[in-house]
Structure formats: C-alpha cells, structure tokens
Amino acid sequence: MNYAYIPIFWVITAFFVGRSYEVGGMKKAFSTFLKSVGIVILASIIYVIIFAGMGYLNNI
C-alpha cells in the first residue's frame, strides 16, 4: 500500500472540519464535532478500503 497520500487526505479533512466549526459557531460546536468525527471515521474506512483494494490489484 502507498501511504504517501494519507497526510494530504487528513489536511483536506481537517480543512472541512475547521470550516464546519466556523459556520456552526460555539453553540453547535459539540454536535458539529460529533458529526465531523463520524465523517472522518467513515471517510477513513472508505479510504483504507480503496487503498487496500489498489494494493491488492497491484500485487496480482
């Protein structure tokens, strides 16, 4: 597997999380945080599956 793109992925994720904080404000910060964590976890799982699949195809 190629892990070189993971830092880029996290920077993009962090950017969107940061934007959601700015839009939501402090009142919605906690619920936004929970949603963001859920999105990050889901995106991470999808990201790992995609890269695992690519690595598997490269090994054939």
PDB file of N, CA and C in Angstrom:
ATOM      1  N   MET A   1       0.838  -1.195   0.000  1.00  0.00           N
ATOM      2  CA  MET A   1       0.000   0.000   0.000  1.00  0.00           C
ATOM      3  C   MET A   1       0.872   1.244   0.000  1.00  0.00           C
ATOM      4  N   ASN A   2       0.360   2.290  -0.618  1.00  0.00           N
ATOM      5  CA  ASN A   2       1.087   3.558  -0.689  1.00  0.00           C
ATOM      6  C   ASN A   2       0.463   4.539   0.297  1.00  0.00           C
ATOM      7  N   TYR A   3       1.195   4.871   1.347  1.00  0.00           N
ATOM      8  CA  TYR A   3       0.666   5.749   2.390  1.00  0.00           C
ATOM      9  C   TYR A   3       1.009   7.223   2.155  1.00  0.00           C
ATOM     10  N   ALA A   4       1.583   7.534   1.005  1.00  0.00           N
ATOM     11  CA  ALA A   4       2.064   8.886   0.753  1.00  0.00           C
ATOM     12  C   ALA A   4       0.934   9.914   0.707  1.00  0.00           C
ATOM     13  N   TYR A   5      -0.286   9.476   0.329  1.00  0.00           N
ATOM     14  CA  TYR A   5      -1.379  10.438   0.155  1.00  0.00           C
ATOM     15  C   TYR A   5      -2.185  10.662   1.422  1.00  0.00           C
ATOM     16  N   ILE A   6      -1.931   9.876   2.481  1.00  0.00           N
ATOM     17  CA  ILE A   6      -2.717   9.992   3.704  1.00  0.00           C
ATOM     18  C   ILE A   6      -2.593  11.387   4.356  1.00  0.00           C
ATOM     19  N   PRO A   7      -1.387  11.980   4.464  1.00  0.00           N
ATOM     20  CA  PRO A   7      -1.307  13.335   5.043  1.00  0.00           C
ATOM     21  C   PRO A   7      -2.144  14.347   4.275  1.00  0.00           C
ATOM     22  N   ILE A   8      -2.161  14.246   2.951  1.00  0.00           N
ATOM     23  CA  ILE A   8      -2.972  15.149   2.128  1.00  0.00           C
ATOM     24  C   ILE A   8      -4.443  14.956   2.469  1.00  0.00           C
ATOM     25  N   PHE A   9      -4.853  13.682   2.593  1.00  0.00           N
ATOM     26  CA  PHE A   9      -6.228  13.348   2.943  1.00  0.00           C
ATOM     27  C   PHE A   9      -6.627  13.984   4.271  1.00  0.00           C
ATOM     28  N   TRP A  10      -5.739  13.884   5.277  1.00  0.00           N
ATOM     29  CA  TRP A  10      -6.053  14.436   6.595  1.00  0.00           C
ATOM     30  C   TRP A  10      -6.099  15.953   6.588  1.00  0.00           C
ATOM     31  N   VAL A  11      -5.246  16.588   5.769  1.00  0.00           N
ATOM     32  CA  VAL A  11      -5.271  18.052   5.651  1.00  0.00           C
ATOM     33  C   VAL A  11      -6.612  18.512   5.082  1.00  0.00           C
ATOM     34  N   ILE A  12      -7.080  17.811   4.042  1.00  0.00           N
ATOM     35  CA  ILE A  12      -8.369  18.156   3.445  1.00  0.00           C
ATOM     36  C   ILE A  12      -9.496  17.950   4.458  1.00  0.00           C
ATOM     37  N   THR A  13      -9.447  16.823   5.172  1.00  0.00           N
ATOM     38  CA  THR A  13     -10.462  16.526   6.189  1.00  0.00           C
ATOM     39  C   THR A  13     -10.459  17.591   7.281  1.00  0.00           C
ATOM     40  N   ALA A  14      -9.271  17.956   7.751  1.00  0.00           N
ATOM     41  CA  ALA A  14      -9.135  18.961   8.805  1.00  0.00           C
ATOM     42  C   ALA A  14      -9.676  20.313   8.337  1.00  0.00           C
ATOM     43  N   PHE A  15      -9.458  20.628   7.056  1.00  0.00           N
ATOM     44  CA  PHE A  15      -9.956  21.878   6.495  1.00  0.00           C
ATOM     45  C   PHE A  15     -11.477  21.938   6.576  1.00  0.00           C
ATOM     46  N   PHE A  16     -12.153  20.847   6.156  1.00  0.00           N
ATOM     47  CA  PHE A  16     -13.615  20.834   6.176  1.00  0.00           C
ATOM     48  C   PHE A  16     -14.156  20.843   7.601  1.00  0.00           C
ATOM     49  N   VAL A  17     -13.459  20.156   8.508  1.00  0.00           N
ATOM     50  CA  VAL A  17     -13.861  20.175   9.918  1.00  0.00           C
ATOM     51  C   VAL A  17     -13.747  21.596  10.463  1.00  0.00           C
ATOM     52  N   GLY A  18     -12.653  22.268  10.126  1.00  0.00           N
ATOM     53  CA  GLY A  18     -12.440  23.648  10.558  1.00  0.00           C
ATOM     54  C   GLY A  18     -13.511  24.577  10.017  1.00  0.00           C
ATOM     55  N   ARG A  19     -13.866  24.401   8.759  1.00  0.00           N
ATOM     56  CA  ARG A  19     -14.909  25.218   8.144  1.00  0.00           C
ATOM     57  C   ARG A  19     -16.249  25.005   8.837  1.00  0.00           C
ATOM     58  N   SER A  20     -16.550  23.762   9.197  1.00  0.00           N
ATOM     59  CA  SER A  20     -17.818  23.464   9.864  1.00  0.00           C
ATOM     60  C   SER A  20     -17.869  24.147  11.237  1.00  0.00           C
ATOM     61  N   TYR A  21     -16.709  24.244  11.910  1.00  0.00           N
ATOM     62  CA  TYR A  21     -16.665  24.960  13.184  1.00  0.00           C
ATOM     63  C   TYR A  21     -16.961  26.441  12.986  1.00  0.00           C
ATOM     64  N   GLU A  22     -16.376  27.042  11.947  1.00  0.00           N
ATOM     65  CA  GLU A  22     -16.590  28.465  11.690  1.00  0.00           C
ATOM     66  C   GLU A  22     -18.051  28.754  11.383  1.00  0.00           C
ATOM     67  N   VAL A  23     -18.677  27.899  10.573  1.00  0.00           N
ATOM     68  CA  VAL A  23     -20.068  28.121  10.179  1.00  0.00           C
ATOM     69  C   VAL A  23     -21.008  27.883  11.351  1.00  0.00           C
ATOM     70  N   GLY A  24     -20.746  26.811  12.131  1.00  0.00           N
ATOM     71  CA  GLY A  24     -21.644  26.422  13.214  1.00  0.00           C
ATOM     72  C   GLY A  24     -21.571  27.329  14.427  1.00  0.00           C
ATOM     73  N   GLY A  25     -20.404  27.860  14.721  1.00  0.00           N
ATOM     74  CA  GLY A  25     -20.235  28.663  15.914  1.00  0.00           C
ATOM     75  C   GLY A  25     -20.102  27.794  17.157  1.00  0.00           C
ATOM     76  N   MET A  26     -19.986  28.423  18.311  1.00  0.00           N
ATOM     77  CA  MET A  26     -19.733  27.689  19.553  1.00  0.00           C
ATOM     78  C   MET A  26     -20.959  26.892  20.016  1.00  0.00           C
ATOM     79  N   LYS A  27     -22.157  27.383  19.703  1.00  0.00           N
ATOM     80  CA  LYS A  27     -23.378  26.707  20.155  1.00  0.00           C
ATOM     81  C   LYS A  27     -23.494  25.315  19.560  1.00  0.00           C
ATOM     82  N   LYS A  28     -23.158  25.208  18.260  1.00  0.00           N
ATOM     83  CA  LYS A  28     -23.293  23.935  17.561  1.00  0.00           C
ATOM     84  C   LYS A  28     -21.971  23.172  17.505  1.00  0.00           C
ATOM     85  N   ALA A  29     -20.967  23.669  18.227  1.00  0.00           N
ATOM     86  CA  ALA A  29     -19.621  23.090  18.120  1.00  0.00           C
ATOM     87  C   ALA A  29     -19.612  21.610  18.506  1.00  0.00           C
ATOM     88  N   PHE A  30     -20.346  21.261  19.572  1.00  0.00           N
ATOM     89  CA  PHE A  30     -20.294  19.888  20.064  1.00  0.00           C
ATOM     90  C   PHE A  30     -20.957  18.922  19.086  1.00  0.00           C
ATOM     91  N   SER A  31     -22.168  19.274  18.614  1.00  0.00           N
ATOM     92  CA  SER A  31     -22.864  18.410  17.661  1.00  0.00           C
ATOM     93  C   SER A  31     -22.103  18.344  16.346  1.00  0.00           C
ATOM     94  N   THR A  32     -21.526  19.472  15.938  1.00  0.00           N
ATOM     95  CA  THR A  32     -20.717  19.510  14.721  1.00  0.00           C
ATOM     96  C   THR A  32     -19.488  18.627  14.886  1.00  0.00           C
ATOM     97  N   PHE A  33     -18.906  18.657  16.092  1.00  0.00           N
ATOM     98  CA  PHE A  33     -17.741  17.824  16.385  1.00  0.00           C
ATOM     99  C   PHE A  33     -18.087  16.347  16.239  1.00  0.00           C
ATOM    100  N   LEU A  34     -19.231  15.944  16.788  1.00  0.00           N
ATOM    101  CA  LEU A  34     -19.654  14.540  16.699  1.00  0.00           C
ATOM    102  C   LEU A  34     -19.868  14.135  15.248  1.00  0.00           C
ATOM    103  N   LYS A  35     -20.527  15.014  14.480  1.00  0.00           N
ATOM    104  CA  LYS A  35     -20.755  14.735  13.060  1.00  0.00           C
ATOM    105  C   LYS A  35     -19.429  14.639  12.318  1.00  0.00           C
ATOM    106  N   SER A  36     -18.522  15.559  12.619  1.00  0.00           N
ATOM    107  CA  SER A  36     -17.220  15.583  11.951  1.00  0.00           C
ATOM    108  C   SER A  36     -16.436  14.311  12.246  1.00  0.00           C
ATOM    109  N   VAL A  37     -16.472  13.868  13.519  1.00  0.00           N
ATOM    110  CA  VAL A  37     -15.773  12.641  13.902  1.00  0.00           C
ATOM    111  C   VAL A  37     -16.348  11.455  13.138  1.00  0.00           C
ATOM    112  N   GLY A  38     -17.675  11.407  13.041  1.00  0.00           N
ATOM    113  CA  GLY A  38     -18.333  10.339  12.298  1.00  0.00           C
ATOM    114  C   GLY A  38     -17.926  10.344  10.840  1.00  0.00           C
ATOM    115  N   ILE A  39     -17.887  11.540  10.224  1.00  0.00           N
ATOM    116  CA  ILE A  39     -17.489  11.678   8.824  1.00  0.00           C
ATOM    117  C   ILE A  39     -16.036  11.249   8.636  1.00  0.00           C
ATOM    118  N   VAL A  40     -15.165  11.679   9.556  1.00  0.00           N
ATOM    119  CA  VAL A  40     -13.742  11.322   9.465  1.00  0.00           C
ATOM    120  C   VAL A  40     -13.550   9.813   9.567  1.00  0.00           C
ATOM    121  N   ILE A  41     -14.245   9.181  10.518  1.00  0.00           N
ATOM    122  CA  ILE A  41     -14.131   7.728  10.686  1.00  0.00           C
ATOM    123  C   ILE A  41     -14.631   7.006   9.440  1.00  0.00           C
ATOM    124  N   LEU A  42     -15.793   7.434   8.940  1.00  0.00           N
ATOM    125  CA  LEU A  42     -16.364   6.817   7.747  1.00  0.00           C
ATOM    126  C   LEU A  42     -15.447   7.004   6.550  1.00  0.00           C
ATOM    127  N   ALA A  43     -14.940   8.230   6.373  1.00  0.00           N
ATOM    128  CA  ALA A  43     -14.031   8.518   5.263  1.00  0.00           C
ATOM    129  C   ALA A  43     -12.740   7.710   5.383  1.00  0.00           C
ATOM    130  N   SER A  44     -12.252   7.554   6.611  1.00  0.00           N
ATOM    131  CA  SER A  44     -11.028   6.779   6.832  1.00  0.00           C
ATOM    132  C   SER A  44     -11.219   5.324   6.439  1.00  0.00           C
ATOM    133  N   ILE A  45     -12.377   4.761   6.812  1.00  0.00           N
ATOM    134  CA  ILE A  45     -12.672   3.366   6.469  1.00  0.00           C
ATOM    135  C   ILE A  45     -12.730   3.198   4.955  1.00  0.00           C
ATOM    136  N   ILE A  46     -13.444   4.110   4.277  1.00  0.00           N
ATOM    137  CA  ILE A  46     -13.550   4.059   2.816  1.00  0.00           C
ATOM    138  C   ILE A  46     -12.164   4.207   2.188  1.00  0.00           C
ATOM    139  N   TYR A  47     -11.386   5.160   2.724  1.00  0.00           N
ATOM    140  CA  TYR A  47     -10.038   5.434   2.211  1.00  0.00           C
ATOM    141  C   TYR A  47      -9.143   4.200   2.331  1.00  0.00           C
ATOM    142  N   VAL A  48      -9.201   3.529   3.488  1.00  0.00           N
ATOM    143  CA  VAL A  48      -8.399   2.322   3.709  1.00  0.00           C
ATOM    144  C   VAL A  48      -8.830   1.210   2.764  1.00  0.00           C
ATOM    145  N   ILE A  49     -10.153   1.046   2.581  1.00  0.00           N
ATOM    146  CA  ILE A  49     -10.668   0.014   1.676  1.00  0.00           C
ATOM    147  C   ILE A  49     -10.191   0.260   0.248  1.00  0.00           C
ATOM    148  N   ILE A  50     -10.266   1.533  -0.194  1.00  0.00           N
ATOM    149  CA  ILE A  50      -9.827   1.882  -1.551  1.00  0.00           C
ATOM    150  C   ILE A  50      -8.345   1.553  -1.726  1.00  0.00           C
ATOM    151  N   PHE A  51      -7.516   1.975  -0.770  1.00  0.00           N
ATOM    152  CA  PHE A  51      -6.073   1.750  -0.900  1.00  0.00           C
ATOM    153  C   PHE A  51      -5.712   0.281  -0.743  1.00  0.00           C
ATOM    154  N   ALA A  52      -6.459  -0.434   0.117  1.00  0.00           N
ATOM    155  CA  ALA A  52      -6.233  -1.873   0.256  1.00  0.00           C
ATOM    156  C   ALA A  52      -6.560  -2.563  -1.063  1.00  0.00           C
ATOM    157  N   GLY A  53      -7.659  -2.134  -1.702  1.00  0.00           N
ATOM    158  CA  GLY A  53      -8.045  -2.681  -2.996  1.00  0.00           C
ATOM    159  C   GLY A  53      -7.010  -2.394  -4.068  1.00  0.00           C
ATOM    160  N   MET A  54      -6.482  -1.165  -4.075  1.00  0.00           N
ATOM    161  CA  MET A  54      -5.456  -0.793  -5.050  1.00  0.00           C
ATOM    162  C   MET A  54      -4.193  -1.621  -4.831  1.00  0.00           C
ATOM    163  N   GLY A  55      -3.799  -1.797  -3.566  1.00  0.00           N
ATOM    164  CA  GLY A  55      -2.622  -2.600  -3.242  1.00  0.00           C
ATOM    165  C   GLY A  55      -2.810  -4.044  -3.665  1.00  0.00           C
ATOM    166  N   TYR A  56      -4.028  -4.553  -3.473  1.00  0.00           N
ATOM    167  CA  TYR A  56      -4.325  -5.933  -3.858  1.00  0.00           C
ATOM    168  C   TYR A  56      -4.215  -6.095  -5.374  1.00  0.00           C
ATOM    169  N   LEU A  57      -4.760  -5.130  -6.113  1.00  0.00           N
ATOM    170  CA  LEU A  57      -4.700  -5.186  -7.579  1.00  0.00           C
ATOM    171  C   LEU A  57      -3.256  -5.099  -8.070  1.00  0.00           C
ATOM    172  N   ASN A  58      -2.449  -4.294  -7.390  1.00  0.00           N
ATOM    173  CA  ASN A  58      -1.040  -4.148  -7.785  1.00  0.00           C
ATOM    174  C   ASN A  58      -0.238  -5.415  -7.530  1.00  0.00           C
ATOM    175  N   ASN A  59      -0.676  -6.220  -6.550  1.00  0.00           N
ATOM    176  CA  ASN A  59       0.050  -7.442  -6.200  1.00  0.00           C
ATOM    177  C   ASN A  59      -0.297  -8.617  -7.106  1.00  0.00           C
ATOM    178  N   ILE A  60      -1.352  -8.495  -7.902  1.00  0.00           N
ATOM    179  CA  ILE A  60      -1.763  -9.596  -8.782  1.00  0.00           C
ATOM    180  C   ILE A  60      -0.762  -9.748  -9.919  1.00  0.00           C
TER     181      ILE A  60
END
